[in-house]
């Protein structure tokens, strides 16, 4: 029986098992999808040995970058991004891909307006790298914002009203506001947001995070991460079942 799964930590409220279970039922496929909440990426080789039936894995927080040295190869896009969220396993040989790029790009493009030529990326983890890759492809200038200024990013303390008004696209790639911590949100000057802004949150649970709610109250267009998640999951499925990959 083909087997697939998700590695990350923690994994208590994951979308993927339900999505793939429904897909397997709809397409009458005899396959399984399991959660593997490994507390450290060092457990990855043991996981592959323990479950030799695995054909593919998705990768989530916090292992999208740290899993790369454990793989036999990565495709060109994943190498450029510097993060992997999809692994194909063929006779014990592992290859990494990044389908977050597909999910973010395809869900973002229909919402973009001509004046949204500058972006703030909140967070500097693995998901933020896929976001930056897409923005660069689209010719949108971006600035990383993180808790500590480093490597070209600015800190939240350094974030000014001018940063907000001058960047009409704001993407949250942090876990702030994710269930169960729904009262949290990135610390930005929300009062400067207006109807020309697009706020995109990679979080999908809850449907509307506090980050998005604050943006909506200011008149901004808002988008959660559910469509991106569905698109990247479907892209992962295509990779796992493409003999040419």
Protein backbone atom coordinates (compact mmCIF):
# COMPACT_ATOMS: atom_id res chain seq x y z
CA UNK A 1 0.00 0.00 0.00
CA UNK A 2 1.45 3.42 -0.94
CA UNK A 3 2.18 5.52 2.12
CA UNK A 4 2.72 9.24 2.53
CA UNK A 5 3.10 11.56 5.48
CA UNK A 6 4.08 14.84 7.06
CA UNK A 7 7.14 15.64 9.15
CA UNK A 8 7.33 18.65 11.46
CA UNK A 9 6.94 19.57 15.10
CA UNK A 10 4.42 19.94 16.56
CA UNK A 11 1.70 18.56 14.28
CA UNK A 12 -1.40 18.60 16.46
CA UNK A 13 -3.61 20.63 14.11
CA UNK A 14 -2.49 19.65 10.62
CA UNK A 15 -4.57 20.10 7.48
CA UNK A 16 -2.78 17.47 5.39
CA UNK A 17 -4.16 14.14 6.75
CA UNK A 18 -7.76 15.21 6.23
CA UNK A 19 -7.01 16.55 2.76
CA UNK A 20 -5.28 13.41 1.57
CA UNK A 21 -7.73 11.04 3.26
CA UNK A 22 -10.57 12.75 1.38
CA UNK A 23 -8.54 12.59 -1.84
CA UNK A 24 -7.84 8.87 -1.41
CA UNK A 25 -11.53 8.17 -0.78
CA UNK A 26 -12.70 10.29 -3.71
CA UNK A 27 -10.29 8.61 -6.13
CA UNK A 28 -10.74 5.13 -4.59
CA UNK A 29 -7.04 4.85 -3.78
CA UNK A 30 -5.68 2.34 -1.30
CA UNK A 31 -3.14 4.60 0.38
CA UNK A 32 -2.35 6.09 3.78
CA UNK A 33 -1.15 9.47 5.05
CA UNK A 34 0.45 9.65 8.49
CA UNK A 35 1.76 12.34 10.81
CA UNK A 36 5.37 12.09 11.97
CA UNK A 37 5.96 14.68 14.71
CA UNK A 38 9.71 14.22 15.05
CA UNK A 39 11.21 16.43 17.81
CA UNK A 40 14.48 16.89 15.88
CA UNK A 41 15.45 16.50 12.23
CA UNK A 42 18.15 14.07 13.34
CA UNK A 43 15.35 11.49 13.54
CA UNK A 44 14.72 11.72 9.78
CA UNK A 45 17.03 8.87 8.66
CA UNK A 46 15.57 6.57 11.32
CA UNK A 47 12.06 7.45 10.13
CA UNK A 48 12.90 6.38 6.58
CA UNK A 49 14.33 3.10 7.84
CA UNK A 50 11.34 2.44 10.08
CA UNK A 51 8.81 3.14 7.30
CA UNK A 52 10.32 1.76 4.06
CA UNK A 53 6.86 1.83 2.45
CA UNK A 54 6.89 5.66 2.30
CA UNK A 55 6.58 7.09 -1.20
CA UNK A 56 6.49 10.75 -0.25
CA UNK A 57 6.54 13.26 2.57
CA UNK A 58 5.47 16.81 3.13
CA UNK A 59 7.65 18.98 5.35
CA UNK A 60 6.45 21.76 7.63
CA UNK A 61 7.74 23.95 10.47
CA UNK A 62 10.53 23.84 11.56
CA UNK A 63 12.31 21.52 9.09
CA UNK A 64 11.91 23.05 5.61
CA UNK A 65 15.54 24.18 5.59
CA UNK A 66 17.21 21.73 7.95
CA UNK A 67 15.96 18.64 6.08
CA UNK A 68 17.96 19.50 2.94
CA UNK A 69 21.33 18.00 4.03
CA UNK A 70 19.55 14.68 4.67
CA UNK A 71 18.27 14.37 1.08
CA UNK A 72 20.02 12.75 -1.86
CA UNK A 73 19.10 15.68 -4.13
CA UNK A 74 16.81 18.69 -4.54
CA UNK A 75 15.24 20.08 -7.69
CA UNK A 76 16.30 23.40 -9.21
CA UNK A 77 13.51 25.50 -7.69
CA UNK A 78 13.99 24.10 -4.17
CA UNK A 79 17.72 24.73 -4.46
CA UNK A 80 17.12 28.36 -5.44
CA UNK A 81 14.55 28.85 -2.69
CA UNK A 82 16.69 27.15 -0.06
CA UNK A 83 13.75 25.26 1.42
CA UNK A 84 11.92 21.97 0.83
CA UNK A 85 8.32 21.15 1.70
CA UNK A 86 7.87 18.04 -0.46
CA UNK A 87 10.02 14.91 -0.63
CA UNK A 88 9.71 12.14 -3.20
CA UNK A 89 11.02 8.75 -2.10
CA UNK A 90 11.87 6.14 -4.76
CA UNK A 91 13.53 2.93 -3.60
CA UNK A 92 15.09 4.74 -0.67
CA UNK A 93 16.33 7.66 -2.78
CA UNK A 94 15.03 11.03 -1.57
CA UNK A 95 14.56 14.17 -3.66
CA UNK A 96 13.31 17.50 -2.34
CA UNK A 97 10.93 19.93 -4.01
CA UNK A 98 9.25 23.19 -3.08
CA UNK A 99 5.53 23.27 -3.85
CA UNK A 100 4.94 26.23 -1.50
CA UNK A 101 6.15 28.32 -4.45
CA UNK A 102 3.32 26.97 -6.62
CA UNK A 103 0.71 27.39 -3.92
CA UNK A 104 1.69 30.94 -3.01
CA UNK A 105 2.13 32.14 -6.60
CA UNK A 106 -1.17 30.76 -7.90
CA UNK A 107 -3.19 32.02 -4.94
CA UNK A 108 -1.57 35.47 -4.90
CA UNK A 109 -1.63 36.50 -8.56
CA UNK A 110 -5.43 36.86 -8.90
CA UNK A 111 -5.46 39.34 -6.00
CA UNK A 112 -2.57 41.59 -7.00
CA UNK A 113 -3.19 45.18 -8.02
CA UNK A 114 -0.86 47.33 -10.17
CA UNK A 115 0.10 49.56 -7.24
CA UNK A 116 1.20 46.64 -5.06
CA UNK A 117 4.85 46.80 -6.11
CA UNK A 118 6.41 46.58 -2.65
CA UNK A 119 5.99 43.96 0.07
CA UNK A 120 6.82 43.25 3.68
CA UNK A 121 7.49 39.61 4.54
CA UNK A 122 6.89 39.00 8.24
CA UNK A 123 9.14 36.17 9.39
CA UNK A 124 12.33 34.61 8.06
CA UNK A 125 11.63 30.86 8.26
CA UNK A 126 11.41 28.30 5.48
CA UNK A 127 8.01 29.47 4.21
CA UNK A 128 9.25 33.05 3.91
CA UNK A 129 11.90 31.89 1.42
CA UNK A 130 9.25 30.54 -0.94
CA UNK A 131 7.30 33.80 -0.61
CA UNK A 132 10.42 35.84 -1.42
CA UNK A 133 11.17 33.63 -4.43
CA UNK A 134 7.70 34.26 -5.88
CA UNK A 135 7.83 38.01 -5.23
CA UNK A 136 11.19 38.21 -6.99
CA UNK A 137 9.71 36.31 -9.95
CA UNK A 138 6.85 38.82 -10.09
CA UNK A 139 9.13 41.84 -9.87
CA UNK A 140 7.83 42.90 -6.45
CA UNK A 141 10.39 44.46 -4.11
CA UNK A 142 10.32 43.03 -0.61
CA UNK A 143 11.69 43.59 2.87
CA UNK A 144 11.99 40.88 5.52
CA UNK A 145 10.82 41.76 9.04
CA UNK A 146 11.83 39.58 12.00
CA UNK A 147 12.22 39.72 15.74
CA UNK A 148 15.91 40.54 15.35
CA UNK A 149 17.47 42.54 12.51
CA UNK A 150 19.91 40.31 10.64
CA UNK A 151 21.02 39.51 7.12
CA UNK A 152 19.09 42.30 5.42
CA UNK A 153 15.96 42.00 7.55
CA UNK A 154 14.68 44.72 9.85
CA UNK A 155 13.22 44.18 13.30
CA UNK A 156 9.67 44.95 14.35
CA UNK A 157 11.11 47.73 16.50
CA UNK A 158 12.53 49.32 13.35
CA UNK A 159 9.28 49.01 11.41
CA UNK A 160 7.79 52.45 10.79
CA UNK A 161 4.49 53.80 9.50
CA UNK A 162 6.37 54.66 6.29
CA UNK A 163 7.26 50.99 5.80
CA UNK A 164 3.57 50.10 6.00
CA UNK A 165 2.30 52.89 3.78
CA UNK A 166 5.03 52.26 1.20
CA UNK A 167 4.47 48.51 0.93
CA UNK A 168 0.93 47.64 -0.05
CA UNK A 169 1.46 43.88 0.22
CA UNK A 170 2.10 42.39 3.68
CA UNK A 171 2.57 38.65 4.10
CA UNK A 172 2.65 36.91 7.47
CA UNK A 173 4.80 33.78 7.36
CA UNK A 174 5.13 33.49 11.14
CA UNK A 175 3.00 31.18 13.35
CA UNK A 176 1.70 34.17 15.34
CA UNK A 177 -2.08 33.91 15.50
CA UNK A 178 -2.23 30.21 14.64
CA UNK A 179 -4.65 28.09 16.67
CA UNK A 180 -4.63 27.85 19.66
CA UNK A 181 -2.78 31.18 20.05
CA UNK A 182 -5.51 33.13 18.26
CA UNK A 183 -5.07 36.30 20.36
CA UNK A 184 -1.57 36.87 18.97
CA UNK A 185 -0.54 38.83 15.89
CA UNK A 186 2.61 40.38 14.44
CA UNK A 187 3.44 43.71 16.07
CA UNK A 188 3.08 46.17 13.19
CA UNK A 189 1.43 49.63 12.96
CA UNK A 190 -1.96 48.46 11.72
CA UNK A 191 -3.44 51.96 11.86
CA UNK A 192 -1.51 52.87 8.68
CA UNK A 193 -3.09 50.07 6.64
CA UNK A 194 -5.69 51.23 4.12
CA UNK A 195 -7.92 49.92 1.33
CA UNK A 196 -4.95 49.79 -1.04
CA UNK A 197 -3.30 47.04 1.01
CA UNK A 198 -3.42 43.29 0.55
CA UNK A 199 -2.73 41.29 3.72
CA UNK A 200 -1.91 37.63 3.15
CA UNK A 201 -1.54 35.21 6.07
CA UNK A 202 -0.07 31.76 5.42
CA UNK A 203 -2.03 30.54 8.46
CA UNK A 204 -5.33 28.80 7.66
CA UNK A 205 -6.53 27.94 11.18
CA UNK A 206 -8.30 30.06 12.28
CA UNK A 207 -9.90 31.16 9.01
CA UNK A 208 -9.34 34.78 9.97
CA UNK A 209 -6.35 35.49 12.17
CA UNK A 210 -6.09 38.63 14.26
CA UNK A 211 -3.57 39.91 11.70
CA UNK A 212 -6.18 39.60 8.93
CA UNK A 213 -9.01 40.94 11.11
CA UNK A 214 -7.01 44.08 11.91
CA UNK A 215 -6.29 44.55 8.23
CA UNK A 216 -9.92 44.03 7.24
CA UNK A 217 -11.01 46.63 9.79
CA UNK A 218 -8.72 49.13 8.03
CA UNK A 219 -10.27 48.32 4.64
CA UNK A 220 -7.55 46.02 3.30
CA UNK A 221 -8.17 42.99 1.11
CA UNK A 222 -7.27 39.87 3.11
CA UNK A 223 -6.38 36.28 2.22
CA UNK A 224 -5.68 33.28 4.44
CA UNK A 225 -3.42 30.34 3.62
CA UNK A 226 -5.99 27.63 2.87
CA UNK A 227 -5.89 27.91 -0.93
CA UNK A 228 -2.09 27.96 -0.89
CA UNK A 229 -2.11 24.84 1.25
CA UNK A 230 -4.51 23.02 -1.07
CA UNK A 231 -2.50 24.01 -4.15
CA UNK A 232 0.82 22.91 -2.66
CA UNK A 233 -0.70 19.63 -1.49
CA UNK A 234 -2.05 18.90 -4.97
CA UNK A 235 1.33 19.81 -6.49
CA UNK A 236 3.01 17.41 -4.05
CA UNK A 237 0.65 14.65 -5.13
CA UNK A 238 1.50 15.27 -8.78
CA UNK A 239 5.23 15.05 -8.00
CA UNK A 240 4.86 11.82 -6.04
CA UNK A 241 3.03 10.22 -8.95
CA UNK A 242 5.16 11.55 -11.81
CA UNK A 243 7.71 8.93 -12.91
CA UNK A 244 9.77 11.65 -14.58
CA UNK A 245 10.37 13.54 -11.30
